[in-house]
PDB file of N, CA and C in Angstrom:
ATOM      1  N   MET A   1       3.876  -8.309  -8.141  1.00  0.00           N
ATOM      2  CA  MET A   1       3.901  -9.481  -8.971  1.00  0.00           C
ATOM      3  C   MET A   1       3.577  -9.120 -10.415  1.00  0.00           C
ATOM      4  N   GLY A   2       2.639  -8.175 -10.600  1.00  0.00           N
ATOM      5  CA  GLY A   2       2.281  -7.766 -11.953  1.00  0.00           C
ATOM      6  C   GLY A   2       3.457  -7.181 -12.704  1.00  0.00           C
ATOM      7  N   ARG A   3       4.292  -6.453 -12.007  1.00  0.00           N
ATOM      8  CA  ARG A   3       5.474  -5.866 -12.649  1.00  0.00           C
ATOM      9  C   ARG A   3       6.449  -6.935 -13.123  1.00  0.00           C
ATOM     10  N   LEU A   4       6.392  -8.101 -12.504  1.00  0.00           N
ATOM     11  CA  LEU A   4       7.274  -9.204 -12.891  1.00  0.00           C
ATOM     12  C   LEU A   4       6.646 -10.086 -13.965  1.00  0.00           C
ATOM     13  N   GLY A   5       5.453  -9.716 -14.417  1.00  0.00           N
ATOM     14  CA  GLY A   5       4.812 -10.460 -15.487  1.00  0.00           C
ATOM     15  C   GLY A   5       3.839 -11.522 -15.033  1.00  0.00           C
ATOM     16  N   THR A   6       3.613 -11.658 -13.740  1.00  0.00           N
ATOM     17  CA  THR A   6       2.665 -12.637 -13.217  1.00  0.00           C
ATOM     18  C   THR A   6       1.259 -12.051 -13.270  1.00  0.00           C
ATOM     19  N   ARG A   7       0.295 -12.846 -13.725  1.00  0.00           N
ATOM     20  CA  ARG A   7      -1.090 -12.389 -13.728  1.00  0.00           C
ATOM     21  C   ARG A   7      -1.504 -12.075 -12.305  1.00  0.00           C
ATOM     22  N   THR A   8      -1.906 -10.836 -12.077  1.00  0.00           N
ATOM     23  CA  THR A   8      -2.214 -10.375 -10.729  1.00  0.00           C
ATOM     24  C   THR A   8      -3.499  -9.566 -10.753  1.00  0.00           C
ATOM     25  N   GLY A   9      -4.347  -9.784  -9.772  1.00  0.00           N
ATOM     26  CA  GLY A   9      -5.592  -9.038  -9.679  1.00  0.00           C
ATOM     27  C   GLY A   9      -5.889  -8.672  -8.250  1.00  0.00           C
ATOM     28  N   MET A  10      -6.866  -7.803  -8.091  1.00  0.00           N
ATOM     29  CA  MET A  10      -7.234  -7.343  -6.757  1.00  0.00           C
ATOM     30  C   MET A  10      -8.746  -7.269  -6.644  1.00  0.00           C
ATOM     31  N   LEU A  11      -9.265  -7.799  -5.555  1.00  0.00           N
ATOM     32  CA  LEU A  11     -10.672  -7.673  -5.199  1.00  0.00           C
ATOM     33  C   LEU A  11     -10.713  -6.823  -3.949  1.00  0.00           C
ATOM     34  N   ALA A  12     -11.261  -5.624  -4.062  1.00  0.00           N
ATOM     35  CA  ALA A  12     -11.295  -4.712  -2.923  1.00  0.00           C
ATOM     36  C   ALA A  12     -12.310  -3.623  -3.188  1.00  0.00           C
ATOM     37  N   GLY A  13     -12.647  -2.913  -2.141  1.00  0.00           N
ATOM     38  CA  GLY A  13     -13.449  -1.720  -2.263  1.00  0.00           C
ATOM     39  C   GLY A  13     -12.535  -0.516  -2.127  1.00  0.00           C
ATOM     40  N   LEU A  14     -12.562   0.374  -3.117  1.00  0.00           N
ATOM     41  CA  LEU A  14     -11.761   1.590  -3.073  1.00  0.00           C
ATOM     42  C   LEU A  14     -12.670   2.794  -3.291  1.00  0.00           C
ATOM     43  N   SER A  15     -12.218   3.932  -2.815  1.00  0.00           N
ATOM     44  CA  SER A  15     -12.981   5.166  -2.927  1.00  0.00           C
ATOM     45  C   SER A  15     -12.705   5.871  -4.243  1.00  0.00           C
ATOM     46  N   ASN A  16     -13.637   6.715  -4.633  1.00  0.00           N
ATOM     47  CA  ASN A  16     -13.397   7.559  -5.796  1.00  0.00           C
ATOM     48  C   ASN A  16     -12.791   8.906  -5.393  1.00  0.00           C
ATOM     49  N   ASP A  17     -12.313   9.007  -4.140  1.00  0.00           N
ATOM     50  CA  ASP A  17     -11.647  10.226  -3.694  1.00  0.00           C
ATOM     51  C   ASP A  17     -10.199  10.248  -4.193  1.00  0.00           C
ATOM     52  N   LEU A  18      -9.456  11.274  -3.853  1.00  0.00           N
ATOM     53  CA  LEU A  18      -8.087  11.441  -4.330  1.00  0.00           C
ATOM     54  C   LEU A  18      -7.209  10.240  -3.975  1.00  0.00           C
ATOM     55  N   PHE A  19      -7.332   9.743  -2.748  1.00  0.00           N
ATOM     56  CA  PHE A  19      -6.516   8.603  -2.324  1.00  0.00           C
ATOM     57  C   PHE A  19      -6.847   7.355  -3.140  1.00  0.00           C
ATOM     58  N   GLY A  20      -8.142   7.095  -3.329  1.00  0.00           N
ATOM     59  CA  GLY A  20      -8.565   5.934  -4.101  1.00  0.00           C
ATOM     60  C   GLY A  20      -8.105   6.011  -5.541  1.00  0.00           C
ATOM     61  N   GLU A  21      -8.212   7.193  -6.141  1.00  0.00           N
ATOM     62  CA  GLU A  21      -7.761   7.361  -7.520  1.00  0.00           C
ATOM     63  C   GLU A  21      -6.258   7.111  -7.642  1.00  0.00           C
ATOM     64  N   GLN A  22      -5.482   7.571  -6.650  1.00  0.00           N
ATOM     65  CA  GLN A  22      -4.037   7.324  -6.667  1.00  0.00           C
ATOM     66  C   GLN A  22      -3.733   5.840  -6.526  1.00  0.00           C
ATOM     67  N   LEU A  23      -4.480   5.149  -5.672  1.00  0.00           N
ATOM     68  CA  LEU A  23      -4.277   3.707  -5.493  1.00  0.00           C
ATOM     69  C   LEU A  23      -4.591   2.945  -6.779  1.00  0.00           C
ATOM     70  N   ILE A  24      -5.712   3.257  -7.416  1.00  0.00           N
ATOM     71  CA  ILE A  24      -6.083   2.571  -8.654  1.00  0.00           C
ATOM     72  C   ILE A  24      -5.056   2.841  -9.744  1.00  0.00           C
ATOM     73  N   SER A  25      -4.593   4.076  -9.831  1.00  0.00           N
ATOM     74  CA  SER A  25      -3.586   4.427 -10.833  1.00  0.00           C
ATOM     75  C   SER A  25      -2.299   3.634 -10.612  1.00  0.00           C
ATOM     76  N   ALA A  26      -1.855   3.550  -9.359  1.00  0.00           N
ATOM     77  CA  ALA A  26      -0.622   2.811  -9.044  1.00  0.00           C
ATOM     78  C   ALA A  26      -0.786   1.325  -9.337  1.00  0.00           C
ATOM     79  N   LEU A  27      -1.959   0.765  -9.041  1.00  0.00           N
ATOM     80  CA  LEU A  27      -2.208  -0.647  -9.329  1.00  0.00           C
ATOM     81  C   LEU A  27      -2.144  -0.910 -10.833  1.00  0.00           C
ATOM     82  N   ARG A  28      -2.783  -0.067 -11.607  1.00  0.00           N
ATOM     83  CA  ARG A  28      -2.789  -0.254 -13.059  1.00  0.00           C
ATOM     84  C   ARG A  28      -1.393  -0.094 -13.650  1.00  0.00           C
ATOM     85  N   GLU A  29      -0.625   0.873 -13.146  1.00  0.00           N
ATOM     86  CA  GLU A  29       0.753   1.047 -13.616  1.00  0.00           C
ATOM     87  C   GLU A  29       1.602  -0.181 -13.302  1.00  0.00           C
ATOM     88  N   SER A  30       1.228  -0.902 -12.245  1.00  0.00           N
ATOM     89  CA  SER A  30       1.951  -2.114 -11.853  1.00  0.00           C
ATOM     90  C   SER A  30       1.364  -3.361 -12.506  1.00  0.00           C
ATOM     91  N   ARG A  31       0.500  -3.180 -13.475  1.00  0.00           N
ATOM     92  CA  ARG A  31      -0.133  -4.260 -14.240  1.00  0.00           C
ATOM     93  C   ARG A  31      -0.964  -5.206 -13.369  1.00  0.00           C
ATOM     94  N   VAL A  32      -1.709  -4.608 -12.439  1.00  0.00           N
ATOM     95  CA  VAL A  32      -2.645  -5.362 -11.608  1.00  0.00           C
ATOM     96  C   VAL A  32      -4.034  -5.196 -12.217  1.00  0.00           C
ATOM     97  N   ASP A  33      -4.725  -6.311 -12.439  1.00  0.00           N
ATOM     98  CA  ASP A  33      -6.083  -6.287 -12.971  1.00  0.00           C
ATOM     99  C   ASP A  33      -7.007  -5.687 -11.909  1.00  0.00           C
ATOM    100  N   THR A  34      -7.635  -4.567 -12.222  1.00  0.00           N
ATOM    101  CA  THR A  34      -8.528  -3.895 -11.274  1.00  0.00           C
ATOM    102  C   THR A  34     -10.002  -4.083 -11.642  1.00  0.00           C
ATOM    103  N   SER A  35     -10.297  -5.059 -12.490  1.00  0.00           N
ATOM    104  CA  SER A  35     -11.681  -5.251 -12.931  1.00  0.00           C
ATOM    105  C   SER A  35     -12.605  -5.690 -11.799  1.00  0.00           C
ATOM    106  N   HIS A  36     -12.065  -6.200 -10.703  1.00  0.00           N
ATOM    107  CA  HIS A  36     -12.893  -6.608  -9.563  1.00  0.00           C
ATOM    108  C   HIS A  36     -12.830  -5.614  -8.412  1.00  0.00           C
ATOM    109  N   VAL A  37     -12.244  -4.439  -8.646  1.00  0.00           N
ATOM    110  CA  VAL A  37     -12.233  -3.381  -7.636  1.00  0.00           C
ATOM    111  C   VAL A  37     -13.571  -2.658  -7.717  1.00  0.00           C
ATOM    112  N   MET A  38     -14.225  -2.514  -6.579  1.00  0.00           N
ATOM    113  CA  MET A  38     -15.501  -1.815  -6.515  1.00  0.00           C
ATOM    114  C   MET A  38     -15.238  -0.402  -6.018  1.00  0.00           C
ATOM    115  N   VAL A  39     -15.573   0.568  -6.856  1.00  0.00           N
ATOM    116  CA  VAL A  39     -15.328   1.967  -6.520  1.00  0.00           C
ATOM    117  C   VAL A  39     -16.627   2.586  -6.019  1.00  0.00           C
ATOM    118  N   SER A  40     -16.517   3.338  -4.922  1.00  0.00           N
ATOM    119  CA  SER A  40     -17.702   3.976  -4.347  1.00  0.00           C
ATOM    120  C   SER A  40     -17.352   5.381  -3.861  1.00  0.00           C
ATOM    121  N   GLY A  41     -18.375   6.081  -3.436  1.00  0.00           N
ATOM    122  CA  GLY A  41     -18.192   7.419  -2.880  1.00  0.00           C
ATOM    123  C   GLY A  41     -17.831   7.414  -1.404  1.00  0.00           C
ATOM    124  N   ARG A  42     -17.698   6.217  -0.825  1.00  0.00           N
ATOM    125  CA  ARG A  42     -17.277   6.143   0.582  1.00  0.00           C
ATOM    126  C   ARG A  42     -15.821   6.583   0.694  1.00  0.00           C
ATOM    127  N   PRO A  43     -15.402   7.066   1.859  1.00  0.00           N
ATOM    128  CA  PRO A  43     -14.021   7.539   2.005  1.00  0.00           C
ATOM    129  C   PRO A  43     -13.001   6.403   2.042  1.00  0.00           C
ATOM    130  N   THR A  44     -11.771   6.742   1.738  1.00  0.00           N
ATOM    131  CA  THR A  44     -10.646   5.812   1.848  1.00  0.00           C
ATOM    132  C   THR A  44     -10.299   5.634   3.323  1.00  0.00           C
ATOM    133  N   THR A  45      -9.951   4.413   3.710  1.00  0.00           N
ATOM    134  CA  THR A  45      -9.455   4.172   5.062  1.00  0.00           C
ATOM    135  C   THR A  45      -8.175   4.971   5.261  1.00  0.00           C
ATOM    136  N   LEU A  46      -8.064   5.617   6.398  1.00  0.00           N
ATOM    137  CA  LEU A  46      -6.852   6.372   6.720  1.00  0.00           C
ATOM    138  C   LEU A  46      -6.166   5.745   7.924  1.00  0.00           C
ATOM    139  N   ALA A  47      -4.862   5.683   7.866  1.00  0.00           N
ATOM    140  CA  ALA A  47      -4.061   5.158   8.970  1.00  0.00           C
ATOM    141  C   ALA A  47      -2.975   6.186   9.299  1.00  0.00           C
ATOM    142  N   PHE A  48      -2.831   6.500  10.571  1.00  0.00           N
ATOM    143  CA  PHE A  48      -1.819   7.447  11.014  1.00  0.00           C
ATOM    144  C   PHE A  48      -0.882   6.762  11.988  1.00  0.00           C
ATOM    145  N   VAL A  49       0.396   7.110  11.904  1.00  0.00           N
ATOM    146  CA  VAL A  49       1.412   6.554  12.793  1.00  0.00           C
ATOM    147  C   VAL A  49       2.074   7.714  13.506  1.00  0.00           C
ATOM    148  N   ASN A  50       2.186   7.586  14.819  1.00  0.00           N
ATOM    149  CA  ASN A  50       2.890   8.572  15.618  1.00  0.00           C
ATOM    150  C   ASN A  50       4.101   7.888  16.248  1.00  0.00           C
ATOM    151  N   LEU A  51       5.293   8.389  15.944  1.00  0.00           N
ATOM    152  CA  LEU A  51       6.517   7.815  16.508  1.00  0.00           C
ATOM    153  C   LEU A  51       7.012   8.669  17.661  1.00  0.00           C
ATOM    154  N   GLU A  52       7.182   8.034  18.805  1.00  0.00           N
ATOM    155  CA  GLU A  52       7.739   8.705  19.984  1.00  0.00           C
ATOM    156  C   GLU A  52       8.744   7.768  20.625  1.00  0.00           C
ATOM    157  N   GLY A  53       9.978   8.211  20.710  1.00  0.00           N
ATOM    158  CA  GLY A  53      11.016   7.391  21.323  1.00  0.00           C
ATOM    159  C   GLY A  53      11.220   6.066  20.611  1.00  0.00           C
ATOM    160  N   GLY A  54      11.042   6.058  19.309  1.00  0.00           N
ATOM    161  CA  GLY A  54      11.234   4.829  18.540  1.00  0.00           C
ATOM    162  C   GLY A  54      10.059   3.868  18.604  1.00  0.00           C
ATOM    163  N   GLN A  55       9.000   4.233  19.318  1.00  0.00           N
ATOM    164  CA  GLN A  55       7.812   3.394  19.433  1.00  0.00           C
ATOM    165  C   GLN A  55       6.676   4.008  18.630  1.00  0.00           C
ATOM    166  N   GLY A  56       5.987   3.176  17.888  1.00  0.00           N
ATOM    167  CA  GLY A  56       4.888   3.657  17.071  1.00  0.00           C
ATOM    168  C   GLY A  56       3.542   3.416  17.720  1.00  0.00           C
ATOM    169  N   SER A  57       2.671   4.389  17.595  1.00  0.00           N
ATOM    170  CA  SER A  57       1.270   4.198  17.977  1.00  0.00           C
ATOM    171  C   SER A  57       0.448   4.469  16.722  1.00  0.00           C
ATOM    172  N   TYR A  58      -0.660   3.774  16.599  1.00  0.00           N
ATOM    173  CA  TYR A  58      -1.419   3.779  15.352  1.00  0.00           C
ATOM    174  C   TYR A  58      -2.859   4.193  15.585  1.00  0.00           C
ATOM    175  N   CYS A  59      -3.405   4.873  14.594  1.00  0.00           N
ATOM    176  CA  CYS A  59      -4.800   5.290  14.639  1.00  0.00           C
ATOM    177  C   CYS A  59      -5.394   5.051  13.253  1.00  0.00           C
ATOM    178  N   PHE A  60      -6.515   4.338  13.216  1.00  0.00           N
ATOM    179  CA  PHE A  60      -7.153   4.009  11.947  1.00  0.00           C
ATOM    180  C   PHE A  60      -8.552   4.620  11.891  1.00  0.00           C
ATOM    181  N   PHE A  61      -8.903   5.148  10.729  1.00  0.00           N
ATOM    182  CA  PHE A  61     -10.242   5.644  10.465  1.00  0.00           C
ATOM    183  C   PHE A  61     -10.807   4.786   9.337  1.00  0.00           C
ATOM    184  N   ASP A  62     -11.637   3.813   9.716  1.00  0.00           N
ATOM    185  CA  ASP A  62     -12.098   2.808   8.767  1.00  0.00           C
ATOM    186  C   ASP A  62     -13.615   2.643   8.746  1.00  0.00           C
ATOM    187  N   GLU A  63     -14.312   3.241   9.695  1.00  0.00           N
ATOM    188  CA  GLU A  63     -15.760   3.073   9.780  1.00  0.00           C
ATOM    189  C   GLU A  63     -16.436   3.625   8.531  1.00  0.00           C
ATOM    190  N   ASN A  64     -17.312   2.838   7.924  1.00  0.00           N
ATOM    191  CA  ASN A  64     -18.048   3.212   6.709  1.00  0.00           C
ATOM    192  C   ASN A  64     -17.144   3.561   5.534  1.00  0.00           C
ATOM    193  N   SER A  65     -15.962   2.975   5.491  1.00  0.00           N
ATOM    194  CA  SER A  65     -15.015   3.260   4.408  1.00  0.00           C
ATOM    195  C   SER A  65     -15.313   2.382   3.193  1.00  0.00           C
ATOM    196  N   ALA A  66     -14.710   2.744   2.076  1.00  0.00           N
ATOM    197  CA  ALA A  66     -14.890   1.976   0.835  1.00  0.00           C
ATOM    198  C   ALA A  66     -14.416   0.536   0.994  1.00  0.00           C
ATOM    199  N   GLY A  67     -13.386   0.320   1.788  1.00  0.00           N
ATOM    200  CA  GLY A  67     -12.856  -1.018   1.996  1.00  0.00           C
ATOM    201  C   GLY A  67     -13.786  -1.935   2.751  1.00  0.00           C
ATOM    202  N   ARG A  68     -14.762  -1.366   3.428  1.00  0.00           N
ATOM    203  CA  ARG A  68     -15.712  -2.178   4.198  1.00  0.00           C
ATOM    204  C   ARG A  68     -17.016  -2.428   3.455  1.00  0.00           C
ATOM    205  N   GLN A  69     -17.093  -2.023   2.200  1.00  0.00           N
ATOM    206  CA  GLN A  69     -18.339  -2.166   1.464  1.00  0.00           C
ATOM    207  C   GLN A  69     -18.558  -3.560   0.901  1.00  0.00           C
ATOM    208  N   LEU A  70     -17.520  -4.378   0.825  1.00  0.00           N
ATOM    209  CA  LEU A  70     -17.648  -5.695   0.209  1.00  0.00           C
ATOM    210  C   LEU A  70     -18.366  -6.675   1.121  1.00  0.00           C
ATOM    211  N   GLY A  71     -19.186  -7.507   0.497  1.00  0.00           N
ATOM    212  CA  GLY A  71     -19.868  -8.559   1.231  1.00  0.00           C
ATOM    213  C   GLY A  71     -19.770  -9.861   0.467  1.00  0.00           C
ATOM    214  N   PRO A  72     -20.302 -10.937   1.010  1.00  0.00           N
ATOM    215  CA  PRO A  72     -20.221 -12.242   0.355  1.00  0.00           C
ATOM    216  C   PRO A  72     -20.784 -12.250  -1.067  1.00  0.00           C
ATOM    217  N   ASP A  73     -21.802 -11.452  -1.343  1.00  0.00           N
ATOM    218  CA  ASP A  73     -22.400 -11.433  -2.677  1.00  0.00           C
ATOM    219  C   ASP A  73     -21.487 -10.793  -3.719  1.00  0.00           C
ATOM    220  N   ASP A  74     -20.446 -10.096  -3.270  1.00  0.00           N
ATOM    221  CA  ASP A  74     -19.515  -9.442  -4.193  1.00  0.00           C
ATOM    222  C   ASP A  74     -18.411 -10.372  -4.675  1.00  0.00           C
ATOM    223  N   LEU A  75     -18.269 -11.532  -4.067  1.00  0.00           N
ATOM    224  CA  LEU A  75     -17.227 -12.466  -4.457  1.00  0.00           C
ATOM    225  C   LEU A  75     -17.624 -13.179  -5.735  1.00  0.00           C
ATOM    226  N   THR A  76     -16.705 -13.271  -6.656  1.00  0.00           N
ATOM    227  CA  THR A  76     -16.943 -13.934  -7.933  1.00  0.00           C
ATOM    228  C   THR A  76     -16.706 -15.432  -7.785  1.00  0.00           C
ATOM    229  N   VAL A  77     -17.641 -16.214  -8.268  1.00  0.00           N
ATOM    230  CA  VAL A  77     -17.477 -17.665  -8.275  1.00  0.00           C
ATOM    231  C   VAL A  77     -16.946 -18.045  -9.651  1.00  0.00           C
ATOM    232  N   LEU A  78     -15.818 -18.749  -9.672  1.00  0.00           N
ATOM    233  CA  LEU A  78     -15.219 -19.159 -10.937  1.00  0.00           C
ATOM    234  C   LEU A  78     -15.844 -20.460 -11.428  1.00  0.00           C
ATOM    235  N   SER A  79     -16.060 -20.518 -12.718  1.00  0.00           N
ATOM    236  CA  SER A  79     -16.497 -21.777 -13.308  1.00  0.00           C
ATOM    237  C   SER A  79     -15.311 -22.734 -13.267  1.00  0.00           C
ATOM    238  N   PRO A  80     -15.541 -24.053 -13.406  1.00  0.00           N
ATOM    239  CA  PRO A  80     -14.417 -25.000 -13.399  1.00  0.00           C
ATOM    240  C   PRO A  80     -13.362 -24.675 -14.451  1.00  0.00           C
ATOM    241  N   SER A  81     -13.785 -24.232 -15.650  1.00  0.00           N
ATOM    242  CA  SER A  81     -12.792 -23.927 -16.688  1.00  0.00           C
ATOM    243  C   SER A  81     -11.988 -22.678 -16.341  1.00  0.00           C
ATOM    244  N   GLU A  82     -12.637 -21.675 -15.723  1.00  0.00           N
ATOM    245  CA  GLU A  82     -11.905 -20.483 -15.297  1.00  0.00           C
ATOM    246  C   GLU A  82     -10.912 -20.831 -14.194  1.00  0.00           C
ATOM    247  N   ALA A  83     -11.345 -21.640 -13.242  1.00  0.00           N
ATOM    248  CA  ALA A  83     -10.457 -22.019 -12.142  1.00  0.00           C
ATOM    249  C   ALA A  83      -9.245 -22.769 -12.681  1.00  0.00           C
ATOM    250  N   GLN A  84      -9.472 -23.675 -13.637  1.00  0.00           N
ATOM    251  CA  GLN A  84      -8.370 -24.448 -14.199  1.00  0.00           C
ATOM    252  C   GLN A  84      -7.406 -23.543 -14.952  1.00  0.00           C
ATOM    253  N   SER A  85      -7.917 -22.539 -15.672  1.00  0.00           N
ATOM    254  CA  SER A  85      -7.051 -21.664 -16.441  1.00  0.00           C
ATOM    255  C   SER A  85      -6.226 -20.753 -15.533  1.00  0.00           C
ATOM    256  N   ARG A  86      -6.652 -20.545 -14.298  1.00  0.00           N
ATOM    257  CA  ARG A  86      -5.922 -19.678 -13.380  1.00  0.00           C
ATOM    258  C   ARG A  86      -4.998 -20.453 -12.454  1.00  0.00           C
ATOM    259  N   CYS A  87      -4.958 -21.744 -12.611  1.00  0.00           N
ATOM    260  CA  CYS A  87      -4.189 -22.588 -11.707  1.00  0.00           C
ATOM    261  C   CYS A  87      -2.834 -22.920 -12.316  1.00  0.00           C
ATOM    262  N   GLY A  88      -1.805 -22.865 -11.517  1.00  0.00           N
ATOM    263  CA  GLY A  88      -0.468 -23.138 -12.013  1.00  0.00           C
ATOM    264  C   GLY A  88      -0.157 -24.606 -12.203  1.00  0.00           C
ATOM    265  N   CYS A  89      -0.981 -25.515 -11.666  1.00  0.00           N
ATOM    266  CA  CYS A  89      -0.647 -26.933 -11.733  1.00  0.00           C
ATOM    267  C   CYS A  89      -1.305 -27.649 -12.899  1.00  0.00           C
ATOM    268  N   GLY A  90      -2.271 -27.002 -13.594  1.00  0.00           N
ATOM    269  CA  GLY A  90      -2.891 -27.614 -14.757  1.00  0.00           C
ATOM    270  C   GLY A  90      -4.074 -28.506 -14.457  1.00  0.00           C
ATOM    271  N   ARG A  91      -4.438 -28.679 -13.207  1.00  0.00           N
ATOM    272  CA  ARG A  91      -5.639 -29.466 -12.906  1.00  0.00           C
ATOM    273  C   ARG A  91      -6.713 -28.555 -12.314  1.00  0.00           C
ATOM    274  N   GLN A  92      -7.926 -29.043 -12.254  1.00  0.00           N
ATOM    275  CA  GLN A  92      -9.009 -28.225 -11.720  1.00  0.00           C
ATOM    276  C   GLN A  92      -8.736 -27.908 -10.255  1.00  0.00           C
ATOM    277  N   CYS A  93      -8.943 -26.663  -9.899  1.00  0.00           N
ATOM    278  CA  CYS A  93      -8.627 -26.222  -8.540  1.00  0.00           C
ATOM    279  C   CYS A  93      -9.754 -26.553  -7.574  1.00  0.00           C
ATOM    280  N   ARG A  94      -9.397 -27.213  -6.519  1.00  0.00           N
ATOM    281  CA  ARG A  94     -10.312 -27.489  -5.424  1.00  0.00           C
ATOM    282  C   ARG A  94      -9.507 -27.388  -4.145  1.00  0.00           C
ATOM    283  N   ARG A  95     -10.134 -26.927  -3.095  1.00  0.00           N
ATOM    284  CA  ARG A  95      -9.419 -26.815  -1.819  1.00  0.00           C
ATOM    285  C   ARG A  95      -8.832 -28.155  -1.391  1.00  0.00           C
ATOM    286  N   GLU A  96      -9.631 -29.216  -1.540  1.00  0.00           N
ATOM    287  CA  GLU A  96      -9.176 -30.505  -1.055  1.00  0.00           C
ATOM    288  C   GLU A  96      -8.010 -31.084  -1.858  1.00  0.00           C
ATOM    289  N   SER A  97      -7.791 -30.566  -3.086  1.00  0.00           N
ATOM    290  CA  SER A  97      -6.695 -31.086  -3.885  1.00  0.00           C
ATOM    291  C   SER A  97      -5.349 -30.473  -3.499  1.00  0.00           C
ATOM    292  N   GLY A  98      -5.400 -29.427  -2.671  1.00  0.00           N
ATOM    293  CA  GLY A  98      -4.167 -28.745  -2.297  1.00  0.00           C
ATOM    294  C   GLY A  98      -3.691 -27.780  -3.366  1.00  0.00           C
ATOM    295  N   CYS A  99      -4.480 -27.594  -4.393  1.00  0.00           N
ATOM    296  CA  CYS A  99      -4.141 -26.699  -5.502  1.00  0.00           C
ATOM    297  C   CYS A  99      -4.649 -25.307  -5.177  1.00  0.00           C
ATOM    298  N   ARG A 100      -3.827 -24.302  -5.423  1.00  0.00           N
ATOM    299  CA  ARG A 100      -4.231 -22.933  -5.131  1.00  0.00           C
ATOM    300  C   ARG A 100      -4.305 -22.132  -6.421  1.00  0.00           C
ATOM    301  N   PRO A 101      -5.461 -21.492  -6.697  1.00  0.00           N
ATOM    302  CA  PRO A 101      -5.586 -20.692  -7.909  1.00  0.00           C
ATOM    303  C   PRO A 101      -4.640 -19.509  -7.891  1.00  0.00           C
ATOM    304  N   LEU A 102      -4.143 -19.140  -9.061  1.00  0.00           N
ATOM    305  CA  LEU A 102      -3.337 -17.932  -9.182  1.00  0.00           C
ATOM    306  C   LEU A 102      -4.265 -16.746  -9.191  1.00  0.00           C
ATOM    307  N   PRO A 103      -3.838 -15.584  -8.654  1.00  0.00           N
ATOM    308  CA  PRO A 103      -4.726 -14.405  -8.661  1.00  0.00           C
ATOM    309  C   PRO A 103      -4.984 -13.922 -10.079  1.00  0.00           C
TER     310      PRO A 103
END
């Protein structure tokens, strides 16, 4: 979406290892706001796919990874003016209004 000119951001935990650095670089090149990405020394989640006879089997290594470091206290609460400025409909964003904030 960032490449198409839409304001785009990401909230995630990424590693400072080679994989994490490549991910952050690719996000920034795609004009994704990474100001809410939390970088740590934890490893990047790894996913492996094994194809046999056209069928895939998957193996994930995610325990204690950078992606699992986020908790409720890491979520940013938007002020009403921030929420309104990020909303495509021009009114204050609330769940009950059916309005969805833009990333």
